[in-house]
C-alpha atoms as a PDB file:
ATOM      1  CA  MET A   1      -1.997   5.372  35.107  1.00  0.00           C
ATOM      2  CA  LEU A   2      -2.386   2.733  33.403  1.00  0.00           C
ATOM      3  CA  THR A   3      -2.430  -1.590  34.043  1.00  0.00           C
ATOM      4  CA  GLY A   4       0.299  -3.757  33.347  1.00  0.00           C
ATOM      5  CA  ILE A   5       2.606  -0.905  32.604  1.00  0.00           C
ATOM      6  CA  ASP A   6       6.243  -1.743  35.289  1.00  0.00           C
ATOM      7  CA  PRO A   7       5.462   1.121  36.952  1.00  0.00           C
ATOM      8  CA  LEU A   8       9.233   2.014  35.883  1.00  0.00           C
ATOM      9  CA  LEU A   9       8.600   2.955  33.113  1.00  0.00           C
ATOM     10  CA  SER A  10       7.891   6.480  32.862  1.00  0.00           C
ATOM     11  CA  GLY A  11       5.886   8.463  30.038  1.00  0.00           C
ATOM     12  CA  ASP A  12       8.807  10.312  28.124  1.00  0.00           C
ATOM     13  CA  LEU A  13      10.465   6.759  29.123  1.00  0.00           C
ATOM     14  CA  LEU A  14       7.587   5.018  27.047  1.00  0.00           C
ATOM     15  CA  ARG A  15       7.046   7.482  24.063  1.00  0.00           C
ATOM     16  CA  LEU A  16      10.477   7.029  23.541  1.00  0.00           C
ATOM     17  CA  LEU A  17      10.415   3.581  23.371  1.00  0.00           C
ATOM     18  CA  ASP A  18       7.719   3.638  21.239  1.00  0.00           C
ATOM     19  CA  HIS A  19       9.147   6.192  18.770  1.00  0.00           C
ATOM     20  CA  MET A  20      11.904   3.464  18.071  1.00  0.00           C
ATOM     21  CA  GLY A  21      11.567   1.547  14.899  1.00  0.00           C
ATOM     22  CA  HIS A  22      12.973  -2.020  14.313  1.00  0.00           C
ATOM     23  CA  ASN A  23      16.305  -2.189  14.175  1.00  0.00           C
ATOM     24  CA  ASP A  24      17.089   1.051  16.620  1.00  0.00           C
ATOM     25  CA  THR A  25      19.739   0.821  19.497  1.00  0.00           C
ATOM     26  CA  LEU A  26      18.779   1.891  23.060  1.00  0.00           C
ATOM     27  CA  LEU A  27      22.209   2.123  25.123  1.00  0.00           C
ATOM     28  CA  VAL A  28      21.581   1.350  28.561  1.00  0.00           C
ATOM     29  CA  THR A  29      24.560   2.629  30.437  1.00  0.00           C
ATOM     30  CA  ASP A  30      25.652   2.719  34.269  1.00  0.00           C
ATOM     31  CA  ALA A  31      26.574   5.740  36.605  1.00  0.00           C
ATOM     32  CA  HIS A  32      30.112   5.572  35.052  1.00  0.00           C
ATOM     33  CA  TYR A  33      29.688   5.655  30.877  1.00  0.00           C
ATOM     34  CA  PRO A  34      29.567   9.742  29.607  1.00  0.00           C
ATOM     35  CA  SER A  35      25.854   8.988  28.589  1.00  0.00           C
ATOM     36  CA  HIS A  36      24.899  12.903  27.144  1.00  0.00           C
ATOM     37  CA  ALA A  37      28.784  12.827  25.302  1.00  0.00           C
ATOM     38  CA  MET A  38      26.145  10.562  22.496  1.00  0.00           C
ATOM     39  CA  GLY A  39      24.639  13.498  20.807  1.00  0.00           C
ATOM     40  CA  VAL A  40      21.557  11.375  21.807  1.00  0.00           C
ATOM     41  CA  PRO A  41      17.983  11.227  24.003  1.00  0.00           C
ATOM     42  CA  VAL A  42      19.151  10.815  27.788  1.00  0.00           C
ATOM     43  CA  ILE A  43      16.845   9.575  29.950  1.00  0.00           C
ATOM     44  CA  ASP A  44      18.084   9.056  33.686  1.00  0.00           C
ATOM     45  CA  LEU A  45      16.212   5.706  35.228  1.00  0.00           C
ATOM     46  CA  ALA A  46      17.054   5.553  39.738  1.00  0.00           C
ATOM     47  CA  VAL A  47      17.703   2.410  39.716  1.00  0.00           C
ATOM     48  CA  PRO A  48      20.499  -0.203  38.908  1.00  0.00           C
ATOM     49  CA  SER A  49      21.036  -1.781  35.039  1.00  0.00           C
ATOM     50  CA  PRO A  50      19.583  -4.916  35.809  1.00  0.00           C
ATOM     51  CA  GLU A  51      16.455  -3.635  36.749  1.00  0.00           C
ATOM     52  CA  ALA A  52      15.808  -1.189  34.007  1.00  0.00           C
ATOM     53  CA  VAL A  53      16.609  -4.037  30.676  1.00  0.00           C
ATOM     54  CA  ARG A  54      13.852  -5.782  32.803  1.00  0.00           C
ATOM     55  CA  ALA A  55      11.588  -3.335  32.899  1.00  0.00           C
ATOM     56  CA  VAL A  56      12.442  -2.293  29.747  1.00  0.00           C
ATOM     57  CA  ARG A  57      12.123  -5.641  28.029  1.00  0.00           C
ATOM     58  CA  THR A  58       8.564  -6.226  29.322  1.00  0.00           C
ATOM     59  CA  VAL A  59       7.372  -3.663  26.414  1.00  0.00           C
ATOM     60  CA  LEU A  60      10.400  -3.659  23.726  1.00  0.00           C
ATOM     61  CA  PRO A  61      11.338  -6.901  22.279  1.00  0.00           C
ATOM     62  CA  VAL A  62      14.489  -7.604  20.356  1.00  0.00           C
ATOM     63  CA  ASP A  63      15.878  -8.074  17.034  1.00  0.00           C
ATOM     64  CA  MET A  64      16.526 -11.855  15.780  1.00  0.00           C
ATOM     65  CA  TYR A  65      16.962 -10.545  12.079  1.00  0.00           C
ATOM     66  CA  ALA A  66      20.949  -9.832  10.738  1.00  0.00           C
ATOM     67  CA  GLY A  67      22.939  -9.033  14.123  1.00  0.00           C
ATOM     68  CA  PRO A  68      22.993  -9.406  17.898  1.00  0.00           C
ATOM     69  CA  SER A  69      19.941  -8.343  20.305  1.00  0.00           C
ATOM     70  CA  VAL A  70      21.807  -7.344  22.631  1.00  0.00           C
ATOM     71  CA  THR A  71      25.562  -6.561  22.822  1.00  0.00           C
ATOM     72  CA  LEU A  72      27.330  -6.055  26.236  1.00  0.00           C
ATOM     73  CA  MET A  73      31.472  -4.250  26.552  1.00  0.00           C
ATOM     74  CA  THR A  74      34.148  -6.445  26.631  1.00  0.00           C
ATOM     75  CA  PRO A  75      34.702  -6.881  30.654  1.00  0.00           C
ATOM     76  CA  GLU A  76      38.734  -6.790  31.985  1.00  0.00           C
ATOM     77  CA  PRO A  77      38.887 -10.414  33.690  1.00  0.00           C
ATOM     78  CA  GLY A  78      37.381 -10.653  37.227  1.00  0.00           C
ATOM     79  CA  THR A  79      35.440  -7.453  36.631  1.00  0.00           C
ATOM     80  CA  GLY A  80      32.026  -7.032  35.681  1.00  0.00           C
ATOM     81  CA  GLU A  81      30.721 -10.484  35.804  1.00  0.00           C
ATOM     82  CA  GLU A  82      28.328 -10.862  38.270  1.00  0.00           C
ATOM     83  CA  VAL A  83      26.217  -7.405  37.107  1.00  0.00           C
ATOM     84  CA  GLN A  84      26.333  -8.236  33.330  1.00  0.00           C
ATOM     85  CA  ALA A  85      25.048 -11.988  34.526  1.00  0.00           C
ATOM     86  CA  GLU A  86      22.548 -10.242  36.313  1.00  0.00           C
ATOM     87  CA  ILE A  87      21.771  -7.666  32.441  1.00  0.00           C
ATOM     88  CA  GLN A  88      21.901 -11.127  30.009  1.00  0.00           C
ATOM     89  CA  GLU A  89      19.366 -12.893  32.947  1.00  0.00           C
ATOM     90  CA  ALA A  90      17.045  -9.544  32.471  1.00  0.00           C
ATOM     91  CA  ALA A  91      17.475  -9.337  28.802  1.00  0.00           C
ATOM     92  CA  ALA A  92      16.512 -12.329  28.433  1.00  0.00           C
ATOM     93  CA  ALA A  93      17.674 -13.130  24.834  1.00  0.00           C
ATOM     94  CA  ARG A  94      18.941 -16.330  23.644  1.00  0.00           C
ATOM     95  CA  ALA A  95      22.848 -17.530  24.114  1.00  0.00           C
ATOM     96  CA  ASP A  96      23.188 -16.972  20.227  1.00  0.00           C
ATOM     97  CA  ARG A  97      21.910 -13.906  20.063  1.00  0.00           C
ATOM     98  CA  ILE A  98      24.414 -12.242  22.650  1.00  0.00           C
ATOM     99  CA  ALA A  99      27.768 -10.626  21.854  1.00  0.00           C
ATOM    100  CA  TRP A 100      30.651  -8.660  23.764  1.00  0.00           C
ATOM    101  CA  ILE A 101      32.638  -6.264  21.572  1.00  0.00           C
ATOM    102  CA  ASP A 102      35.752  -4.201  23.475  1.00  0.00           C
ATOM    103  CA  ARG A 103      34.260  -1.252  25.321  1.00  0.00           C
ATOM    104  CA  PHE A 104      36.124   1.174  23.285  1.00  0.00           C
ATOM    105  CA  ASP A 105      33.954  -0.129  19.801  1.00  0.00           C
ATOM    106  CA  PHE A 106      30.702  -0.215  23.426  1.00  0.00           C
ATOM    107  CA  TYR A 107      31.871   3.851  22.784  1.00  0.00           C
ATOM    108  CA  ASP A 108      32.040   4.204  18.867  1.00  0.00           C
ATOM    109  CA  ARG A 109      28.831   2.374  18.632  1.00  0.00           C
ATOM    110  CA  GLY A 110      27.297   3.598  21.261  1.00  0.00           C
ATOM    111  CA  ARG A 111      27.294   7.081  19.072  1.00  0.00           C
ATOM    112  CA  GLU A 112      24.948   6.060  16.611  1.00  0.00           C
ATOM    113  CA  VAL A 113      21.970   4.459  18.931  1.00  0.00           C
ATOM    114  CA  PHE A 114      18.576   6.100  19.144  1.00  0.00           C
ATOM    115  CA  ALA A 115      18.620   6.827  22.550  1.00  0.00           C
ATOM    116  CA  VAL A 116      20.786   6.072  26.069  1.00  0.00           C
ATOM    117  CA  LEU A 117      18.965   4.890  28.943  1.00  0.00           C
ATOM    118  CA  ARG A 118      21.384   6.051  32.544  1.00  0.00           C
ATOM    119  CA  THR A 119      20.859   3.888  35.405  1.00  0.00           C
ATOM    120  CA  LEU A 120      22.559   4.753  39.034  1.00  0.00           C
ATOM    121  CA  GLU A 121      24.430   1.439  38.184  1.00  0.00           C
ATOM    122  CA  THR A 122      27.901   2.257  40.461  1.00  0.00           C
ATOM    123  CA  ARG A 123      29.086  -1.820  39.084  1.00  0.00           C
ATOM    124  CA  LYS A 124      31.635  -1.918  36.212  1.00  0.00           C
ATOM    125  CA  TYR A 125      30.555  -3.243  33.017  1.00  0.00           C
ATOM    126  CA  GLY A 126      26.630  -2.363  33.728  1.00  0.00           C
ATOM    127  CA  CYS A 127      26.442  -1.498  30.184  1.00  0.00           C
ATOM    128  CA  VAL A 128      23.743  -2.934  26.945  1.00  0.00           C
ATOM    129  CA  MET A 129      22.940  -2.100  23.975  1.00  0.00           C
ATOM    130  CA  LEU A 130      19.309  -3.540  23.327  1.00  0.00           C
ATOM    131  CA  ARG A 131      18.339  -3.329  19.635  1.00  0.00           C
ATOM    132  CA  LYS A 132      14.726  -3.467  18.730  1.00  0.00           C
ATOM    133  CA  GLY A 133      12.855  -5.836  16.328  1.00  0.00           C
ATOM    134  CA  VAL A 134       9.128  -6.608  15.697  1.00  0.00           C
ATOM    135  CA  VAL A 135       6.273  -7.516  18.074  1.00  0.00           C
ATOM    136  CA  GLY A 136       5.982 -11.351  18.656  1.00  0.00           C
ATOM    137  CA  ASP A 137       9.367 -11.744  16.944  1.00  0.00           C
ATOM    138  CA  ASP A 138      11.140 -12.796  20.041  1.00  0.00           C
ATOM    139  CA  ASP A 139       9.304 -15.147  21.449  1.00  0.00           C
ATOM    140  CA  ALA A 140      11.163 -17.838  18.494  1.00  0.00           C
END
Protein backbone atom coordinates (compact mmCIF):
# COMPACT_ATOMS: atom_id res chain seq x y z
CA MET A 1 0.00 0.00 0.00
CA LEU A 2 1.23 3.51 -0.82
CA THR A 3 0.43 6.82 0.79
CA GLY A 4 -0.26 10.00 -1.16
CA ILE A 5 -1.43 8.10 -4.26
CA ASP A 6 -5.02 8.47 -5.43
CA PRO A 7 -6.74 5.10 -4.78
CA LEU A 8 -8.09 5.09 -8.37
CA LEU A 9 -4.53 4.70 -9.66
CA SER A 10 -3.82 0.97 -9.80
CA GLY A 11 -0.32 -0.44 -9.97
CA ASP A 12 -0.81 -1.27 -13.66
CA LEU A 13 -1.95 2.28 -14.43
CA LEU A 14 0.90 3.84 -12.44
CA ARG A 15 3.40 1.62 -14.26
CA LEU A 16 1.97 2.67 -17.62
CA LEU A 17 2.06 6.37 -16.71
CA ASP A 18 5.62 5.99 -15.46
CA HIS A 19 6.69 4.40 -18.76
CA MET A 20 5.36 7.37 -20.72
CA GLY A 21 7.95 9.92 -21.77
CA HIS A 22 7.77 13.63 -22.49
CA ASN A 23 5.29 14.28 -25.31
CA ASP A 24 3.67 10.82 -25.12
CA THR A 25 -0.13 10.99 -25.09
CA LEU A 26 -2.66 9.25 -22.86
CA LEU A 27 -6.14 8.91 -24.33
CA VAL A 28 -8.91 8.86 -21.72
CA THR A 29 -12.06 7.54 -23.35
CA ASP A 30 -15.74 7.27 -22.66
CA ALA A 31 -17.58 3.95 -22.92
CA HIS A 32 -18.52 4.62 -26.57
CA TYR A 33 -14.98 5.02 -27.93
CA PRO A 34 -13.42 2.12 -29.89
CA SER A 35 -10.60 1.85 -27.33
CA HIS A 36 -9.26 -1.57 -28.24
CA ALA A 37 -9.15 -0.68 -31.94
CA MET A 38 -6.31 1.78 -31.25
CA GLY A 39 -3.75 -1.05 -31.05
CA VAL A 40 -2.14 0.19 -27.84
CA PRO A 41 -2.43 -0.91 -24.19
CA VAL A 42 -5.88 -0.31 -22.68
CA ILE A 43 -6.56 -0.05 -18.96
CA ASP A 44 -10.13 0.02 -17.67
CA LEU A 45 -11.10 2.36 -14.85
CA ALA A 46 -14.66 2.01 -13.53
CA VAL A 47 -15.37 5.72 -13.02
CA PRO A 48 -16.60 8.62 -15.19
CA SER A 49 -14.03 10.38 -17.39
CA PRO A 50 -13.64 13.52 -15.22
CA GLU A 51 -12.79 11.40 -12.17
CA ALA A 52 -10.22 9.43 -14.16
CA VAL A 53 -8.62 12.63 -15.48
CA ARG A 54 -8.52 14.16 -11.99
CA ALA A 55 -6.77 11.08 -10.59
CA VAL A 56 -4.27 10.85 -13.46
CA ARG A 57 -3.39 14.53 -13.16
CA THR A 58 -2.28 13.99 -9.54
CA VAL A 59 0.79 12.21 -10.93
CA LEU A 60 1.00 13.18 -14.62
CA PRO A 61 2.33 16.61 -15.61
CA VAL A 62 0.97 17.97 -18.89
CA ASP A 63 3.25 19.30 -21.61
CA MET A 64 3.92 23.04 -21.62
CA TYR A 65 5.90 23.23 -24.85
CA ALA A 66 4.73 23.02 -28.48
CA GLY A 67 1.17 21.95 -29.19
CA PRO A 68 -1.77 21.54 -26.85
CA SER A 69 -1.47 19.88 -23.43
CA VAL A 70 -5.10 18.76 -23.51
CA THR A 71 -7.10 17.88 -26.62
CA LEU A 72 -10.87 17.41 -26.68
CA MET A 73 -13.19 16.24 -29.45
CA THR A 74 -15.33 19.05 -30.85
CA PRO A 75 -18.90 18.13 -29.85
CA GLU A 76 -22.08 18.44 -31.84
CA PRO A 77 -23.97 21.61 -30.80
CA GLY A 78 -25.94 21.04 -27.61
CA THR A 79 -24.13 17.79 -26.74
CA GLY A 80 -21.15 17.13 -24.51
CA GLU A 81 -20.66 20.59 -23.04
CA GLU A 82 -21.23 19.46 -19.45
CA VAL A 83 -18.83 16.50 -19.50
CA GLN A 84 -16.21 18.49 -21.37
CA ALA A 85 -16.40 21.32 -18.83
CA GLU A 86 -15.88 18.75 -16.06
CA ILE A 87 -12.94 17.20 -17.93
CA GLN A 88 -11.34 20.62 -18.47
CA GLU A 89 -11.65 21.38 -14.76
CA ALA A 90 -10.19 17.97 -13.85
CA ALA A 91 -7.32 18.39 -16.32
CA ALA A 92 -6.30 21.62 -14.57
CA ALA A 93 -4.56 22.98 -17.67
CA ARG A 94 -4.36 26.62 -18.66
CA ALA A 95 -7.01 27.66 -21.20
CA ASP A 96 -4.33 28.46 -23.80
CA ARG A 97 -3.07 24.84 -23.53
CA ILE A 98 -6.44 23.27 -24.49
CA ALA A 99 -7.47 22.45 -28.06
CA TRP A 100 -10.55 20.99 -29.73
CA ILE A 101 -10.37 18.93 -32.90
CA ASP A 102 -12.90 17.33 -35.25
CA ARG A 103 -14.19 13.89 -34.28
CA PHE A 104 -12.50 12.10 -37.19
CA ASP A 105 -9.18 13.88 -36.56
CA PHE A 106 -9.53 12.83 -32.91
CA TYR A 107 -9.96 9.19 -33.98
CA ASP A 108 -6.92 9.45 -36.27
CA ARG A 109 -4.77 10.88 -33.48
CA GLY A 110 -6.12 8.20 -31.17
CA ARG A 111 -4.19 5.65 -33.21
CA GLU A 112 -0.94 7.42 -32.29
CA VAL A 113 -1.32 7.51 -28.51
CA PHE A 114 0.89 5.70 -26.01
CA ALA A 115 -2.04 4.09 -24.20
CA VAL A 116 -5.77 4.27 -23.54
CA LEU A 117 -7.56 4.64 -20.21
CA ARG A 118 -11.13 3.47 -20.85
CA THR A 119 -13.74 4.74 -18.40
CA LEU A 120 -17.40 3.99 -17.75
CA GLU A 121 -18.39 7.48 -18.90
CA THR A 122 -21.68 7.21 -20.81
CA ARG A 123 -22.10 10.86 -21.73
CA LYS A 124 -21.11 11.59 -25.33
CA TYR A 125 -17.82 13.40 -25.95
CA GLY A 126 -16.32 12.26 -22.65
CA CYS A 127 -12.90 11.69 -24.24
CA VAL A 128 -9.66 13.64 -23.86
CA MET A 129 -6.00 13.37 -24.78
CA LEU A 130 -3.41 14.35 -22.18
CA ARG A 131 0.11 14.96 -23.45
CA LYS A 132 2.74 14.18 -20.84
CA GLY A 133 5.11 16.94 -19.90
CA VAL A 134 8.12 17.38 -17.65
CA VAL A 135 7.81 17.31 -13.85
CA GLY A 136 7.57 20.87 -12.55
CA ASP A 137 6.74 22.56 -15.87
CA ASP A 138 2.94 22.46 -15.58
CA ASP A 139 3.08 24.58 -12.43
CA ALA A 140 3.87 27.64 -14.57
